[in-house]
Amino acid sequence: MLALLVAVAALLVALLAVRRSGGARGAAGVDALPEDVHGLRQEVAALRAEAGDALRHLAVVRYDAFGDMGGHLSWSLALVDDGGDGVVLTSIHGRSDARTYAKNIRDWRCDQQLSPEELEAVENARPRG
């Protein structure tokens, strides 16, 4: 992500330089700058493609797994990439122990049955728009 931000910042600086120059540069300077801008655009596109596989969409749902306990100490966490591939982690907090579960998510679906809280976490992690 940091590399993506640096590339975008460099692209903005290059575009500002083009606007400020206003054609006052010699032929070699004008020809060299668009190649640099084109290279930066290619780098930004490559970084965006790489970021699509990152687990960058997440949502947490906290709840009481048992009626006699309070505090919303149980939780389900969905971590998914742009294509809906990732994992749902769930921790069920009881009086004497806590159990943790992990379930794979593929294309926003799971081969195993998801609890209502896990389904809510997956849906909340889905990007809007």
Protein backbone atom coordinates (compact mmCIF):
# COMPACT_ATOMS: atom_id res chain seq x y z
CA MET A 1 0.00 0.00 0.00
CA LEU A 2 2.85 2.37 0.83
CA ALA A 3 4.39 1.78 -2.60
CA LEU A 4 1.03 2.59 -4.21
CA LEU A 5 0.81 5.86 -2.29
CA VAL A 6 4.38 6.81 -3.26
CA ALA A 7 3.68 6.06 -6.93
CA VAL A 8 0.49 8.14 -6.88
CA ALA A 9 2.32 11.02 -5.21
CA ALA A 10 5.08 10.85 -7.82
CA LEU A 11 2.48 10.88 -10.59
CA LEU A 12 0.85 13.99 -9.13
CA VAL A 13 4.21 15.77 -8.84
CA ALA A 14 4.99 14.92 -12.47
CA LEU A 15 1.61 16.22 -13.65
CA LEU A 16 2.11 19.47 -11.73
CA ALA A 17 5.52 19.87 -13.34
CA VAL A 18 3.99 19.47 -16.80
CA ARG A 19 1.35 22.11 -16.10
CA ARG A 20 3.87 24.58 -14.69
CA SER A 21 6.32 24.18 -17.58
CA GLY A 22 3.68 25.31 -20.10
CA GLY A 23 5.81 24.36 -23.10
CA ALA A 24 8.80 26.54 -22.14
CA ARG A 25 11.16 23.52 -22.13
CA GLY A 26 13.27 22.40 -25.04
CA ALA A 27 12.26 19.47 -27.25
CA ALA A 28 14.28 16.90 -25.24
CA GLY A 29 12.68 17.90 -21.92
CA VAL A 30 9.15 17.77 -23.31
CA ASP A 31 9.70 14.35 -24.88
CA ALA A 32 11.26 12.87 -21.73
CA LEU A 33 8.51 13.93 -19.34
CA PRO A 34 5.58 12.11 -20.98
CA GLU A 35 7.64 8.88 -20.96
CA ASP A 36 8.13 9.34 -17.20
CA VAL A 37 4.43 10.00 -16.68
CA HIS A 38 3.57 6.95 -18.82
CA GLY A 39 5.97 4.83 -16.73
CA LEU A 40 4.40 6.08 -13.50
CA ARG A 41 0.93 5.26 -14.79
CA GLN A 42 2.06 1.72 -15.61
CA GLU A 43 3.54 1.37 -12.11
CA VAL A 44 0.33 2.58 -10.47
CA ALA A 45 -1.70 0.11 -12.57
CA ALA A 46 0.62 -2.75 -11.56
CA LEU A 47 0.36 -1.80 -7.88
CA ARG A 48 -3.43 -1.66 -8.10
CA ALA A 49 -3.48 -5.14 -9.65
CA GLU A 50 -1.28 -6.46 -6.82
CA ALA A 51 -3.47 -4.80 -4.18
CA GLY A 52 -6.51 -6.69 -5.49
CA ASP A 53 -5.17 -9.88 -3.88
CA ALA A 54 -4.56 -8.23 -0.50
CA LEU A 55 -6.91 -9.04 2.37
CA ARG A 56 -8.03 -5.45 2.68
CA HIS A 57 -11.77 -5.66 3.29
CA LEU A 58 -12.69 -6.48 6.85
CA ALA A 59 -15.62 -6.40 9.21
CA VAL A 60 -16.10 -7.43 12.84
CA VAL A 61 -19.39 -8.47 14.43
CA ARG A 62 -19.45 -8.69 18.24
CA TYR A 63 -22.21 -10.53 20.06
CA ASP A 64 -23.26 -12.60 23.06
CA ALA A 65 -23.03 -16.26 22.07
CA PHE A 66 -24.92 -17.39 25.19
CA GLY A 67 -27.99 -15.73 26.66
CA ASP A 68 -26.71 -15.76 30.26
CA MET A 69 -23.53 -13.81 29.46
CA GLY A 70 -23.17 -10.17 28.51
CA GLY A 71 -20.48 -7.86 27.23
CA HIS A 72 -20.43 -8.95 23.58
CA LEU A 73 -17.24 -10.97 24.18
CA SER A 74 -17.77 -13.31 21.21
CA TRP A 75 -16.86 -12.05 17.74
CA SER A 76 -16.62 -12.94 14.05
CA LEU A 77 -14.07 -11.27 11.78
CA ALA A 78 -14.18 -11.45 7.97
CA LEU A 79 -10.94 -10.69 6.04
CA VAL A 80 -11.34 -10.79 2.26
CA ASP A 81 -9.73 -9.51 -0.92
CA ASP A 82 -11.43 -7.69 -3.81
CA GLY A 83 -12.68 -10.97 -5.31
CA GLY A 84 -14.30 -12.18 -2.10
CA ASP A 85 -11.60 -14.71 -1.20
CA GLY A 86 -10.36 -14.85 2.38
CA VAL A 87 -11.28 -16.14 5.81
CA VAL A 88 -13.80 -15.73 8.62
CA LEU A 89 -12.38 -16.03 12.13
CA THR A 90 -14.80 -16.59 15.01
CA SER A 91 -14.17 -16.66 18.75
CA ILE A 92 -16.96 -17.97 20.99
CA HIS A 93 -16.50 -16.82 24.58
CA GLY A 94 -18.01 -19.03 27.29
CA ARG A 95 -17.85 -19.00 31.09
CA SER A 96 -14.85 -21.30 31.37
CA ASP A 97 -13.27 -21.21 27.93
CA ALA A 98 -13.13 -19.59 24.52
CA ARG A 99 -13.09 -21.45 21.23
CA THR A 100 -11.78 -20.10 17.96
CA TYR A 101 -12.83 -21.20 14.46
CA ALA A 102 -11.56 -20.37 10.97
CA LYS A 103 -13.53 -20.88 7.75
CA ASN A 104 -12.33 -20.26 4.19
CA ILE A 105 -14.27 -17.86 1.99
CA ARG A 106 -14.22 -18.26 -1.82
CA ASP A 107 -16.10 -15.80 -4.04
CA TRP A 108 -18.05 -14.48 -1.03
CA ARG A 109 -19.28 -18.02 -0.14
CA CYS A 110 -18.17 -20.74 2.24
CA ASP A 111 -18.28 -24.54 1.84
CA GLN A 112 -19.06 -24.85 5.55
CA GLN A 113 -22.22 -23.54 7.15
CA LEU A 114 -21.78 -20.00 8.47
CA SER A 115 -23.49 -18.71 11.59
CA PRO A 116 -25.73 -15.63 11.23
CA GLU A 117 -22.94 -13.51 12.78
CA GLU A 118 -20.35 -14.89 10.36
CA LEU A 119 -22.68 -14.20 7.42
CA GLU A 120 -23.16 -10.65 8.70
CA ALA A 121 -19.38 -10.15 8.95
CA VAL A 122 -18.87 -11.38 5.36
CA GLU A 123 -21.63 -9.13 4.03
CA ASN A 124 -20.30 -6.13 5.97
CA ALA A 125 -16.82 -6.72 4.51
CA ARG A 126 -18.16 -6.64 0.95
CA PRO A 127 -17.23 -3.32 -0.73
CA ARG A 128 -20.15 -1.05 -1.54
CA GLY A 129 -20.58 0.58 -4.89
